[in-house]
């Protein structure tokens, strides 16, 4: 595991619970959400905080430094199921990752039912 991966793991472990704290979560939740998904190969449930933009039932997640990260690859091709922990509650959805001609990666999520 690289130094970047170790640092990201520690950061994620600290931020995910903070998003659930009422006062802190409301502040952080304006620009961050927790995504939860099951890894395609590992079968492990993963929860990670991400920055997002939302318009109705569409959520866009820009992946900073995509070549240093692997999580978004779970949503390449036809994409896959995801949970998005929003301030109003958890929503299921379908996420699809795309890399543009400049190498930037965006994960587009179409929200479905609220849980």
PDB file of N, CA and C in Angstrom:
ATOM      1  N   UNK A   1       0.857  -1.177   0.000  1.00  0.00           N
ATOM      2  CA  UNK A   1       0.000   0.000   0.000  1.00  0.00           C
ATOM      3  C   UNK A   1       0.896   1.231   0.000  1.00  0.00           C
ATOM      4  N   UNK A   2       0.612   2.165  -0.888  1.00  0.00           N
ATOM      5  CA  UNK A   2       1.428   3.373  -0.999  1.00  0.00           C
ATOM      6  C   UNK A   2       1.145   4.331   0.163  1.00  0.00           C
ATOM      7  N   UNK A   3       2.037   5.303   0.312  1.00  0.00           N
ATOM      8  CA  UNK A   3       1.850   6.318   1.351  1.00  0.00           C
ATOM      9  C   UNK A   3       0.550   7.086   1.102  1.00  0.00           C
ATOM     10  N   UNK A   4       0.246   7.363  -0.170  1.00  0.00           N
ATOM     11  CA  UNK A   4      -0.997   8.057  -0.511  1.00  0.00           C
ATOM     12  C   UNK A   4      -2.197   7.241  -0.064  1.00  0.00           C
ATOM     13  N   UNK A   5      -2.174   5.944  -0.345  1.00  0.00           N
ATOM     14  CA  UNK A   5      -3.297   5.071   0.023  1.00  0.00           C
ATOM     15  C   UNK A   5      -3.471   4.993   1.532  1.00  0.00           C
ATOM     16  N   UNK A   6      -2.375   4.909   2.255  1.00  0.00           N
ATOM     17  CA  UNK A   6      -2.457   4.858   3.725  1.00  0.00           C
ATOM     18  C   UNK A   6      -3.040   6.161   4.281  1.00  0.00           C
ATOM     19  N   UNK A   7      -2.577   7.294   3.731  1.00  0.00           N
ATOM     20  CA  UNK A   7      -3.083   8.587   4.183  1.00  0.00           C
ATOM     21  C   UNK A   7      -4.572   8.723   3.879  1.00  0.00           C
ATOM     22  N   UNK A   8      -4.977   8.333   2.675  1.00  0.00           N
ATOM     23  CA  UNK A   8      -6.391   8.403   2.289  1.00  0.00           C
ATOM     24  C   UNK A   8      -7.249   7.527   3.194  1.00  0.00           C
ATOM     25  N   UNK A   9      -6.748   6.358   3.539  1.00  0.00           N
ATOM     26  CA  UNK A   9      -7.503   5.439   4.399  1.00  0.00           C
ATOM     27  C   UNK A   9      -7.740   6.061   5.778  1.00  0.00           C
ATOM     28  N   UNK A  10      -6.708   6.690   6.334  1.00  0.00           N
ATOM     29  CA  UNK A  10      -6.835   7.341   7.641  1.00  0.00           C
ATOM     30  C   UNK A  10      -7.800   8.527   7.548  1.00  0.00           C
ATOM     31  N   UNK A  11      -7.655   9.341   6.500  1.00  0.00           N
ATOM     32  CA  UNK A  11      -8.543  10.487   6.300  1.00  0.00           C
ATOM     33  C   UNK A  11      -9.994  10.035   6.192  1.00  0.00           C
ATOM     34  N   UNK A  12     -10.253   9.041   5.353  1.00  0.00           N
ATOM     35  CA  UNK A  12     -11.614   8.545   5.162  1.00  0.00           C
ATOM     36  C   UNK A  12     -12.196   8.009   6.459  1.00  0.00           C
ATOM     37  N   UNK A  13     -11.386   7.271   7.221  1.00  0.00           N
ATOM     38  CA  UNK A  13     -11.858   6.710   8.487  1.00  0.00           C
ATOM     39  C   UNK A  13     -12.242   7.807   9.478  1.00  0.00           C
ATOM     40  N   UNK A  14     -11.594   8.965   9.395  1.00  0.00           N
ATOM     41  CA  UNK A  14     -11.903  10.070  10.297  1.00  0.00           C
ATOM     42  C   UNK A  14     -13.108  10.881   9.814  1.00  0.00           C
ATOM     43  N   UNK A  15     -13.229  11.100   8.509  1.00  0.00           N
ATOM     44  CA  UNK A  15     -14.270  11.978   7.970  1.00  0.00           C
ATOM     45  C   UNK A  15     -15.641  11.310   7.923  1.00  0.00           C
ATOM     46  N   UNK A  16     -15.706  10.030   7.584  1.00  0.00           N
ATOM     47  CA  UNK A  16     -17.008   9.355   7.469  1.00  0.00           C
ATOM     48  C   UNK A  16     -17.830   9.507   8.756  1.00  0.00           C
ATOM     49  N   UNK A  17     -17.272   9.225   9.947  1.00  0.00           N
ATOM     50  CA  UNK A  17     -18.085   9.423  11.160  1.00  0.00           C
ATOM     51  C   UNK A  17     -18.456  10.887  11.410  1.00  0.00           C
ATOM     52  N   UNK A  18     -17.564  11.815  11.048  1.00  0.00           N
ATOM     53  CA  UNK A  18     -17.863  13.235  11.257  1.00  0.00           C
ATOM     54  C   UNK A  18     -19.087  13.690  10.471  1.00  0.00           C
ATOM     55  N   UNK A  19     -19.288  13.122   9.294  1.00  0.00           N
ATOM     56  CA  UNK A  19     -20.450  13.499   8.498  1.00  0.00           C
ATOM     57  C   UNK A  19     -21.761  13.084   9.165  1.00  0.00           C
ATOM     58  N   UNK A  20     -21.692  12.157  10.120  1.00  0.00           N
ATOM     59  CA  UNK A  20     -22.884  11.732  10.842  1.00  0.00           C
ATOM     60  C   UNK A  20     -23.175  12.552  12.080  1.00  0.00           C
ATOM     61  N   UNK A  21     -22.240  13.422  12.495  1.00  0.00           N
ATOM     62  CA  UNK A  21     -22.431  14.275  13.667  1.00  0.00           C
ATOM     63  C   UNK A  21     -23.286  15.466  13.257  1.00  0.00           C
ATOM     64  N   UNK A  22     -24.392  15.741  13.984  1.00  0.00           N
ATOM     65  CA  UNK A  22     -25.344  16.758  13.542  1.00  0.00           C
ATOM     66  C   UNK A  22     -24.754  18.107  13.119  1.00  0.00           C
ATOM     67  N   UNK A  23     -24.017  18.774  13.973  1.00  0.00           N
ATOM     68  CA  UNK A  23     -23.528  20.114  13.638  1.00  0.00           C
ATOM     69  C   UNK A  23     -22.438  20.046  12.573  1.00  0.00           C
ATOM     70  N   UNK A  24     -21.472  19.192  12.767  1.00  0.00           N
ATOM     71  CA  UNK A  24     -20.363  19.057  11.812  1.00  0.00           C
ATOM     72  C   UNK A  24     -20.871  18.521  10.484  1.00  0.00           C
ATOM     73  N   UNK A  25     -21.733  17.527  10.529  1.00  0.00           N
ATOM     74  CA  UNK A  25     -22.261  16.919   9.318  1.00  0.00           C
ATOM     75  C   UNK A  25     -23.030  17.892   8.446  1.00  0.00           C
ATOM     76  N   UNK A  26     -23.788  18.797   9.075  1.00  0.00           N
ATOM     77  CA  UNK A  26     -24.528  19.795   8.292  1.00  0.00           C
ATOM     78  C   UNK A  26     -23.575  20.724   7.548  1.00  0.00           C
ATOM     79  N   UNK A  27     -22.478  21.074   8.191  1.00  0.00           N
ATOM     80  CA  UNK A  27     -21.510  21.968   7.553  1.00  0.00           C
ATOM     81  C   UNK A  27     -20.753  21.245   6.446  1.00  0.00           C
ATOM     82  N   UNK A  28     -20.190  20.088   6.766  1.00  0.00           N
ATOM     83  CA  UNK A  28     -19.452  19.312   5.760  1.00  0.00           C
ATOM     84  C   UNK A  28     -20.381  18.801   4.668  1.00  0.00           C
ATOM     85  N   UNK A  29     -21.611  18.478   5.043  1.00  0.00           N
ATOM     86  CA  UNK A  29     -22.564  17.881   4.119  1.00  0.00           C
ATOM     87  C   UNK A  29     -22.998  18.779   2.977  1.00  0.00           C
ATOM     88  N   UNK A  30     -22.671  20.059   3.057  1.00  0.00           N
ATOM     89  CA  UNK A  30     -23.013  20.965   1.959  1.00  0.00           C
ATOM     90  C   UNK A  30     -22.178  20.664   0.725  1.00  0.00           C
ATOM     91  N   UNK A  31     -21.015  20.070   0.909  1.00  0.00           N
ATOM     92  CA  UNK A  31     -20.155  19.781  -0.228  1.00  0.00           C
ATOM     93  C   UNK A  31     -19.635  18.365  -0.263  1.00  0.00           C
ATOM     94  N   UNK A  32     -19.948  17.593   0.788  1.00  0.00           N
ATOM     95  CA  UNK A  32     -19.457  16.218   0.852  1.00  0.00           C
ATOM     96  C   UNK A  32     -20.582  15.260   1.204  1.00  0.00           C
ATOM     97  N   UNK A  33     -20.475  14.058   0.661  1.00  0.00           N
ATOM     98  CA  UNK A  33     -21.381  12.974   1.012  1.00  0.00           C
ATOM     99  C   UNK A  33     -20.548  11.715   1.188  1.00  0.00           C
ATOM    100  N   UNK A  34     -21.168  10.705   1.760  1.00  0.00           N
ATOM    101  CA  UNK A  34     -20.529   9.394   1.871  1.00  0.00           C
ATOM    102  C   UNK A  34     -21.146   8.486   0.820  1.00  0.00           C
ATOM    103  N   UNK A  35     -20.284   7.892   0.009  1.00  0.00           N
ATOM    104  CA  UNK A  35     -20.719   6.868  -0.944  1.00  0.00           C
ATOM    105  C   UNK A  35     -20.445   5.516  -0.318  1.00  0.00           C
ATOM    106  N   UNK A  36     -21.366   4.586  -0.503  1.00  0.00           N
ATOM    107  CA  UNK A  36     -21.173   3.222  -0.026  1.00  0.00           C
ATOM    108  C   UNK A  36     -21.437   2.279  -1.192  1.00  0.00           C
ATOM    109  N   UNK A  37     -20.551   1.321  -1.368  1.00  0.00           N
ATOM    110  CA  UNK A  37     -20.678   0.360  -2.459  1.00  0.00           C
ATOM    111  C   UNK A  37     -19.944  -0.915  -2.069  1.00  0.00           C
ATOM    112  N   UNK A  38     -20.194  -1.959  -2.826  1.00  0.00           N
ATOM    113  CA  UNK A  38     -19.496  -3.222  -2.635  1.00  0.00           C
ATOM    114  C   UNK A  38     -18.493  -3.379  -3.770  1.00  0.00           C
ATOM    115  N   UNK A  39     -17.238  -3.621  -3.416  1.00  0.00           N
ATOM    116  CA  UNK A  39     -16.184  -3.762  -4.414  1.00  0.00           C
ATOM    117  C   UNK A  39     -16.482  -4.906  -5.368  1.00  0.00           C
ATOM    118  N   UNK A  40     -16.268  -4.685  -6.654  1.00  0.00           N
ATOM    119  CA  UNK A  40     -16.537  -5.720  -7.665  1.00  0.00           C
ATOM    120  C   UNK A  40     -15.722  -6.976  -7.444  1.00  0.00           C
ATOM    121  N   UNK A  41     -14.439  -6.812  -7.194  1.00  0.00           N
ATOM    122  CA  UNK A  41     -13.571  -7.986  -7.038  1.00  0.00           C
ATOM    123  C   UNK A  41     -13.458  -8.445  -5.593  1.00  0.00           C
ATOM    124  N   UNK A  42     -13.376  -7.501  -4.662  1.00  0.00           N
ATOM    125  CA  UNK A  42     -13.161  -7.865  -3.262  1.00  0.00           C
ATOM    126  C   UNK A  42     -14.433  -8.324  -2.571  1.00  0.00           C
ATOM    127  N   UNK A  43     -15.580  -7.808  -3.021  1.00  0.00           N
ATOM    128  CA  UNK A  43     -16.835  -8.113  -2.341  1.00  0.00           C
ATOM    129  C   UNK A  43     -16.962  -7.390  -1.012  1.00  0.00           C
ATOM    130  N   UNK A  44     -16.040  -6.487  -0.717  1.00  0.00           N
ATOM    131  CA  UNK A  44     -16.011  -5.759   0.541  1.00  0.00           C
ATOM    132  C   UNK A  44     -16.844  -4.485   0.437  1.00  0.00           C
ATOM    133  N   UNK A  45     -17.610  -4.195   1.470  1.00  0.00           N
ATOM    134  CA  UNK A  45     -18.381  -2.949   1.514  1.00  0.00           C
ATOM    135  C   UNK A  45     -17.422  -1.813   1.847  1.00  0.00           C
ATOM    136  N   UNK A  46     -17.511  -0.750   1.068  1.00  0.00           N
ATOM    137  CA  UNK A  46     -16.633   0.405   1.219  1.00  0.00           C
ATOM    138  C   UNK A  46     -17.488   1.643   1.425  1.00  0.00           C
ATOM    139  N   UNK A  47     -17.080   2.503   2.343  1.00  0.00           N
ATOM    140  CA  UNK A  47     -17.713   3.801   2.534  1.00  0.00           C
ATOM    141  C   UNK A  47     -16.623   4.845   2.451  1.00  0.00           C
ATOM    142  N   UNK A  48     -16.835   5.860   1.604  1.00  0.00           N
ATOM    143  CA  UNK A  48     -15.835   6.910   1.514  1.00  0.00           C
ATOM    144  C   UNK A  48     -16.481   8.259   1.289  1.00  0.00           C
ATOM    145  N   UNK A  49     -15.876   9.301   1.880  1.00  0.00           N
ATOM    146  CA  UNK A  49     -16.391  10.652   1.696  1.00  0.00           C
ATOM    147  C   UNK A  49     -15.905  11.215   0.359  1.00  0.00           C
ATOM    148  N   UNK A  50     -16.790  11.896  -0.340  1.00  0.00           N
ATOM    149  CA  UNK A  50     -16.439  12.514  -1.623  1.00  0.00           C
ATOM    150  C   UNK A  50     -17.091  13.883  -1.719  1.00  0.00           C
ATOM    151  N   UNK A  51     -16.462  14.755  -2.492  1.00  0.00           N
ATOM    152  CA  UNK A  51     -17.076  16.038  -2.827  1.00  0.00           C
ATOM    153  C   UNK A  51     -18.063  15.788  -3.953  1.00  0.00           C
ATOM    154  N   UNK A  52     -19.149  16.545  -3.970  1.00  0.00           N
ATOM    155  CA  UNK A  52     -20.183  16.284  -4.978  1.00  0.00           C
ATOM    156  C   UNK A  52     -20.908  17.557  -5.379  1.00  0.00           C
ATOM    157  N   UNK A  53     -21.594  17.447  -6.501  1.00  0.00           N
ATOM    158  CA  UNK A  53     -22.549  18.462  -6.960  1.00  0.00           C
ATOM    159  C   UNK A  53     -23.833  17.722  -7.268  1.00  0.00           C
ATOM    160  N   UNK A  54     -24.938  18.363  -6.958  1.00  0.00           N
ATOM    161  CA  UNK A  54     -26.231  17.696  -7.178  1.00  0.00           C
ATOM    162  C   UNK A  54     -27.203  18.609  -7.888  1.00  0.00           C
ATOM    163  N   UNK A  55     -27.928  18.006  -8.811  1.00  0.00           N
ATOM    164  CA  UNK A  55     -29.064  18.657  -9.471  1.00  0.00           C
ATOM    165  C   UNK A  55     -30.187  17.641  -9.492  1.00  0.00           C
ATOM    166  N   UNK A  56     -31.164  17.833  -8.623  1.00  0.00           N
ATOM    167  CA  UNK A  56     -32.280  16.894  -8.552  1.00  0.00           C
ATOM    168  C   UNK A  56     -31.793  15.502  -8.198  1.00  0.00           C
ATOM    169  N   UNK A  57     -32.086  14.547  -9.070  1.00  0.00           N
ATOM    170  CA  UNK A  57     -31.686  13.163  -8.828  1.00  0.00           C
ATOM    171  C   UNK A  57     -30.373  12.799  -9.511  1.00  0.00           C
ATOM    172  N   UNK A  58     -29.607  13.803  -9.929  1.00  0.00           N
ATOM    173  CA  UNK A  58     -28.306  13.575 -10.554  1.00  0.00           C
ATOM    174  C   UNK A  58     -27.203  14.107  -9.629  1.00  0.00           C
ATOM    175  N   UNK A  59     -26.234  13.262  -9.359  1.00  0.00           N
ATOM    176  CA  UNK A  59     -25.095  13.628  -8.525  1.00  0.00           C
ATOM    177  C   UNK A  59     -23.832  13.429  -9.351  1.00  0.00           C
ATOM    178  N   UNK A  60     -22.955  14.414  -9.320  1.00  0.00           N
ATOM    179  CA  UNK A  60     -21.672  14.332 -10.029  1.00  0.00           C
ATOM    180  C   UNK A  60     -20.547  14.356  -9.009  1.00  0.00           C
ATOM    181  N   UNK A  61     -19.629  13.399  -9.143  1.00  0.00           N
ATOM    182  CA  UNK A  61     -18.458  13.325  -8.280  1.00  0.00           C
ATOM    183  C   UNK A  61     -17.228  13.412  -9.169  1.00  0.00           C
ATOM    184  N   UNK A  62     -16.443  14.455  -8.992  1.00  0.00           N
ATOM    185  CA  UNK A  62     -15.174  14.571  -9.707  1.00  0.00           C
ATOM    186  C   UNK A  62     -14.110  13.825  -8.919  1.00  0.00           C
ATOM    187  N   UNK A  63     -13.328  13.017  -9.596  1.00  0.00           N
ATOM    188  CA  UNK A  63     -12.297  12.227  -8.919  1.00  0.00           C
ATOM    189  C   UNK A  63     -10.959  12.947  -9.077  1.00  0.00           C
ATOM    190  N   UNK A  64     -10.475  13.551  -7.997  1.00  0.00           N
ATOM    191  CA  UNK A  64      -9.172  14.209  -8.027  1.00  0.00           C
ATOM    192  C   UNK A  64      -8.081  13.135  -8.059  1.00  0.00           C
ATOM    193  N   UNK A  65      -7.055  13.346  -8.836  1.00  0.00           N
ATOM    194  CA  UNK A  65      -5.934  12.406  -8.970  1.00  0.00           C
ATOM    195  C   UNK A  65      -6.418  10.973  -9.228  1.00  0.00           C
ATOM    196  N   UNK A  66      -7.192  10.752 -10.285  1.00  0.00           N
ATOM    197  CA  UNK A  66      -7.801   9.436 -10.511  1.00  0.00           C
ATOM    198  C   UNK A  66      -6.807   8.291 -10.681  1.00  0.00           C
ATOM    199  N   UNK A  67      -5.604   8.577 -11.168  1.00  0.00           N
ATOM    200  CA  UNK A  67      -4.631   7.500 -11.349  1.00  0.00           C
ATOM    201  C   UNK A  67      -4.041   7.020 -10.030  1.00  0.00           C
ATOM    202  N   UNK A  68      -4.244   7.777  -8.962  1.00  0.00           N
ATOM    203  CA  UNK A  68      -3.777   7.393  -7.631  1.00  0.00           C
ATOM    204  C   UNK A  68      -4.865   6.640  -6.852  1.00  0.00           C
ATOM    205  N   UNK A  69      -6.066   6.581  -7.419  1.00  0.00           N
ATOM    206  CA  UNK A  69      -7.205   5.986  -6.715  1.00  0.00           C
ATOM    207  C   UNK A  69      -7.781   4.838  -7.526  1.00  0.00           C
ATOM    208  N   UNK A  70      -8.414   3.916  -6.841  1.00  0.00           N
ATOM    209  CA  UNK A  70      -9.002   2.765  -7.534  1.00  0.00           C
ATOM    210  C   UNK A  70     -10.508   2.657  -7.357  1.00  0.00           C
ATOM    211  N   UNK A  71     -11.084   3.334  -6.380  1.00  0.00           N
ATOM    212  CA  UNK A  71     -12.498   3.118  -6.051  1.00  0.00           C
ATOM    213  C   UNK A  71     -13.419   3.365  -7.236  1.00  0.00           C
ATOM    214  N   UNK A  72     -13.147   4.386  -8.023  1.00  0.00           N
ATOM    215  CA  UNK A  72     -14.035   4.758  -9.129  1.00  0.00           C
ATOM    216  C   UNK A  72     -14.082   3.696 -10.216  1.00  0.00           C
ATOM    217  N   UNK A  73     -13.089   2.831 -10.284  1.00  0.00           N
ATOM    218  CA  UNK A  73     -13.054   1.780 -11.305  1.00  0.00           C
ATOM    219  C   UNK A  73     -14.172   0.749 -11.109  1.00  0.00           C
ATOM    220  N   UNK A  74     -14.757   0.724  -9.915  1.00  0.00           N
ATOM    221  CA  UNK A  74     -15.905  -0.149  -9.665  1.00  0.00           C
ATOM    222  C   UNK A  74     -17.114   0.264 -10.502  1.00  0.00           C
ATOM    223  N   UNK A  75     -17.073   1.465 -11.076  1.00  0.00           N
ATOM    224  CA  UNK A  75     -18.215   2.005 -11.794  1.00  0.00           C
ATOM    225  C   UNK A  75     -17.937   2.237 -13.278  1.00  0.00           C
ATOM    226  N   UNK A  76     -16.872   1.639 -13.804  1.00  0.00           N
ATOM    227  CA  UNK A  76     -16.589   1.761 -15.237  1.00  0.00           C
ATOM    228  C   UNK A  76     -17.532   0.853 -16.021  1.00  0.00           C
ATOM    229  N   UNK A  77     -17.521   0.988 -17.328  1.00  0.00           N
ATOM    230  CA  UNK A  77     -18.398   0.178 -18.174  1.00  0.00           C
ATOM    231  C   UNK A  77     -19.844   0.545 -17.928  1.00  0.00           C
ATOM    232  N   UNK A  78     -20.637  -0.455 -17.583  1.00  0.00           N
ATOM    233  CA  UNK A  78     -22.071  -0.233 -17.321  1.00  0.00           C
ATOM    234  C   UNK A  78     -22.347   0.372 -15.952  1.00  0.00           C
ATOM    235  N   UNK A  79     -21.299   0.536 -15.137  1.00  0.00           N
ATOM    236  CA  UNK A  79     -21.475   1.111 -13.805  1.00  0.00           C
ATOM    237  C   UNK A  79     -21.941   0.080 -12.797  1.00  0.00           C
ATOM    238  N   UNK A  80     -22.450   0.573 -11.676  1.00  0.00           N
ATOM    239  CA  UNK A  80     -22.894  -0.325 -10.630  1.00  0.00           C
ATOM    240  C   UNK A  80     -23.698   0.387  -9.563  1.00  0.00           C
ATOM    241  N   UNK A  81     -24.260  -0.395  -8.638  1.00  0.00           N
ATOM    242  CA  UNK A  81     -25.092   0.181  -7.579  1.00  0.00           C
ATOM    243  C   UNK A  81     -24.253   0.907  -6.534  1.00  0.00           C
ATOM    244  N   UNK A  82     -24.863   1.926  -5.960  1.00  0.00           N
ATOM    245  CA  UNK A  82     -24.203   2.728  -4.938  1.00  0.00           C
ATOM    246  C   UNK A  82     -25.265   3.267  -3.986  1.00  0.00           C
ATOM    247  N   UNK A  83     -24.859   3.549  -2.761  1.00  0.00           N
ATOM    248  CA  UNK A  83     -25.702   4.272  -1.809  1.00  0.00           C
ATOM    249  C   UNK A  83     -25.059   5.630  -1.592  1.00  0.00           C
ATOM    250  N   UNK A  84     -25.879   6.660  -1.512  1.00  0.00           N
ATOM    251  CA  UNK A  84     -25.391   8.010  -1.257  1.00  0.00           C
ATOM    252  C   UNK A  84     -26.053   8.483   0.030  1.00  0.00           C
ATOM    253  N   UNK A  85     -25.233   8.786   1.030  1.00  0.00           N
ATOM    254  CA  UNK A  85     -25.737   9.223   2.329  1.00  0.00           C
ATOM    255  C   UNK A  85     -25.841  10.751   2.327  1.00  0.00           C
ATOM    256  N   UNK A  86     -27.012  11.244   1.955  1.00  0.00           N
ATOM    257  CA  UNK A  86     -27.291  12.678   1.878  1.00  0.00           C
ATOM    258  C   UNK A  86     -27.870  13.174   3.195  1.00  0.00           C
ATOM    259  N   UNK A  87     -27.946  14.490   3.355  1.00  0.00           N
ATOM    260  CA  UNK A  87     -28.498  15.049   4.589  1.00  0.00           C
ATOM    261  C   UNK A  87     -29.943  14.625   4.821  1.00  0.00           C
ATOM    262  N   UNK A  88     -30.731  14.477   3.740  1.00  0.00           N
ATOM    263  CA  UNK A  88     -32.141  14.093   3.925  1.00  0.00           C
ATOM    264  C   UNK A  88     -32.331  12.590   4.092  1.00  0.00           C
ATOM    265  N   UNK A  89     -31.261  11.834   3.949  1.00  0.00           N
ATOM    266  CA  UNK A  89     -31.344  10.384   4.115  1.00  0.00           C
ATOM    267  C   UNK A  89     -30.529   9.651   3.064  1.00  0.00           C
ATOM    268  N   UNK A  90     -30.484   8.358   3.198  1.00  0.00           N
ATOM    269  CA  UNK A  90     -29.716   7.530   2.277  1.00  0.00           C
ATOM    270  C   UNK A  90     -30.533   7.228   1.037  1.00  0.00           C
ATOM    271  N   UNK A  91     -29.910   7.394  -0.112  1.00  0.00           N
ATOM    272  CA  UNK A  91     -30.554   7.093  -1.396  1.00  0.00           C
ATOM    273  C   UNK A  91     -29.716   6.055  -2.122  1.00  0.00           C
ATOM    274  N   UNK A  92     -30.398   5.124  -2.745  1.00  0.00           N
ATOM    275  CA  UNK A  92     -29.704   4.187  -3.613  1.00  0.00           C
ATOM    276  C   UNK A  92     -29.560   4.840  -4.976  1.00  0.00           C
ATOM    277  N   UNK A  93     -28.680   4.302  -5.773  1.00  0.00           N
ATOM    278  CA  UNK A  93     -28.495   4.872  -7.095  1.00  0.00           C
ATOM    279  C   UNK A  93     -27.644   3.981  -7.974  1.00  0.00           C
ATOM    280  N   UNK A  94     -27.431   4.453  -9.187  1.00  0.00           N
ATOM    281  CA  UNK A  94     -26.593   3.752 -10.153  1.00  0.00           C
ATOM    282  C   UNK A  94     -25.494   4.717 -10.575  1.00  0.00           C
ATOM    283  N   UNK A  95     -24.234   4.293 -10.424  1.00  0.00           N
ATOM    284  CA  UNK A  95     -23.088   5.144 -10.717  1.00  0.00           C
ATOM    285  C   UNK A  95     -22.348   4.642 -11.948  1.00  0.00           C
ATOM    286  N   UNK A  96     -21.919   5.590 -12.787  1.00  0.00           N
ATOM    287  CA  UNK A  96     -21.130   5.266 -13.975  1.00  0.00           C
ATOM    288  C   UNK A  96     -19.938   6.223 -14.018  1.00  0.00           C
ATOM    289  N   UNK A  97     -18.729   5.655 -14.114  1.00  0.00           N
ATOM    290  CA  UNK A  97     -17.511   6.458 -14.183  1.00  0.00           C
ATOM    291  C   UNK A  97     -17.077   6.621 -15.633  1.00  0.00           C
ATOM    292  N   UNK A  98     -16.669   7.831 -15.960  1.00  0.00           N
ATOM    293  CA  UNK A  98     -16.186   8.132 -17.306  1.00  0.00           C
ATOM    294  C   UNK A  98     -14.898   8.951 -17.206  1.00  0.00           C
ATOM    295  N   UNK A  99     -13.961   8.631 -18.090  1.00  0.00           N
ATOM    296  CA  UNK A  99     -12.727   9.407 -18.198  1.00  0.00           C
ATOM    297  C   UNK A  99     -12.794  10.194 -19.496  1.00  0.00           C
ATOM    298  N   UNK A 100     -12.545  11.504 -19.427  1.00  0.00           N
ATOM    299  CA  UNK A 100     -12.597  12.307 -20.642  1.00  0.00           C
ATOM    300  C   UNK A 100     -11.252  12.283 -21.373  1.00  0.00           C
ATOM    301  N   UNK A 101     -11.191  12.985 -22.496  1.00  0.00           N
ATOM    302  CA  UNK A 101      -9.995  12.967 -23.338  1.00  0.00           C
ATOM    303  C   UNK A 101      -8.784  13.585 -22.650  1.00  0.00           C
ATOM    304  N   UNK A 102      -8.997  14.382 -21.614  1.00  0.00           N
ATOM    305  CA  UNK A 102      -7.885  14.986 -20.869  1.00  0.00           C
ATOM    306  C   UNK A 102      -7.453  14.130 -19.673  1.00  0.00           C
ATOM    307  N   UNK A 103      -8.162  13.024 -19.434  1.00  0.00           N
ATOM    308  CA  UNK A 103      -7.825  12.130 -18.327  1.00  0.00           C
ATOM    309  C   UNK A 103      -8.607  12.363 -17.056  1.00  0.00           C
ATOM    310  N   UNK A 104      -9.467  13.391 -17.037  1.00  0.00           N
ATOM    311  CA  UNK A 104     -10.280  13.667 -15.853  1.00  0.00           C
ATOM    312  C   UNK A 104     -11.372  12.606 -15.727  1.00  0.00           C
ATOM    313  N   UNK A 105     -11.662  12.218 -14.504  1.00  0.00           N
ATOM    314  CA  UNK A 105     -12.682  11.203 -14.248  1.00  0.00           C
ATOM    315  C   UNK A 105     -13.836  11.815 -13.471  1.00  0.00           C
ATOM    316  N   UNK A 106     -15.038  11.520 -13.940  1.00  0.00           N
ATOM    317  CA  UNK A 106     -16.271  11.937 -13.263  1.00  0.00           C
ATOM    318  C   UNK A 106     -17.140  10.696 -13.062  1.00  0.00           C
ATOM    319  N   UNK A 107     -17.712  10.593 -11.870  1.00  0.00           N
ATOM    320  CA  UNK A 107     -18.666   9.530 -11.591  1.00  0.00           C
ATOM    321  C   UNK A 107     -20.048  10.175 -11.554  1.00  0.00           C
ATOM    322  N   UNK A 108     -20.913   9.751 -12.473  1.00  0.00           N
ATOM    323  CA  UNK A 108     -22.274  10.268 -12.562  1.00  0.00           C
ATOM    324  C   UNK A 108     -23.205   9.283 -11.874  1.00  0.00           C
ATOM    325  N   UNK A 109     -23.986   9.775 -10.932  1.00  0.00           N
ATOM    326  CA  UNK A 109     -24.890   8.929 -10.157  1.00  0.00           C
ATOM    327  C   UNK A 109     -26.323   9.381 -10.410  1.00  0.00           C
ATOM    328  N   UNK A 110     -27.161   8.449 -10.799  1.00  0.00           N
ATOM    329  CA  UNK A 110     -28.584   8.699 -10.909  1.00  0.00           C
ATOM    330  C   UNK A 110     -29.231   8.097  -9.659  1.00  0.00           C
ATOM    331  N   UNK A 111     -29.837   8.962  -8.861  1.00  0.00           N
ATOM    332  CA  UNK A 111     -30.434   8.514  -7.600  1.00  0.00           C
ATOM    333  C   UNK A 111     -31.751   7.804  -7.841  1.00  0.00           C
ATOM    334  N   UNK A 112     -32.004   6.811  -7.008  1.00  0.00           N
ATOM    335  CA  UNK A 112     -33.255   6.086  -7.044  1.00  0.00           C
ATOM    336  C   UNK A 112     -33.997   6.294  -5.743  1.00  0.00           C
ATOM    337  N   UNK A 113     -34.415   5.218  -5.145  1.00  0.00           N
ATOM    338  CA  UNK A 113     -35.264   5.256  -3.950  1.00  0.00           C
ATOM    339  C   UNK A 113     -34.523   5.756  -2.715  1.00  0.00           C
ATOM    340  N   UNK A 114     -35.280   6.357  -1.798  1.00  0.00           N
ATOM    341  CA  UNK A 114     -34.740   6.741  -0.492  1.00  0.00           C
ATOM    342  C   UNK A 114     -34.943   5.576   0.447  1.00  0.00           C
ATOM    343  N   UNK A 115     -33.936   5.329   1.283  1.00  0.00           N
ATOM    344  CA  UNK A 115     -34.008   4.221   2.244  1.00  0.00           C
ATOM    345  C   UNK A 115     -34.129   4.741   3.645  1.00  0.00           C
TER     346      UNK A 115
END
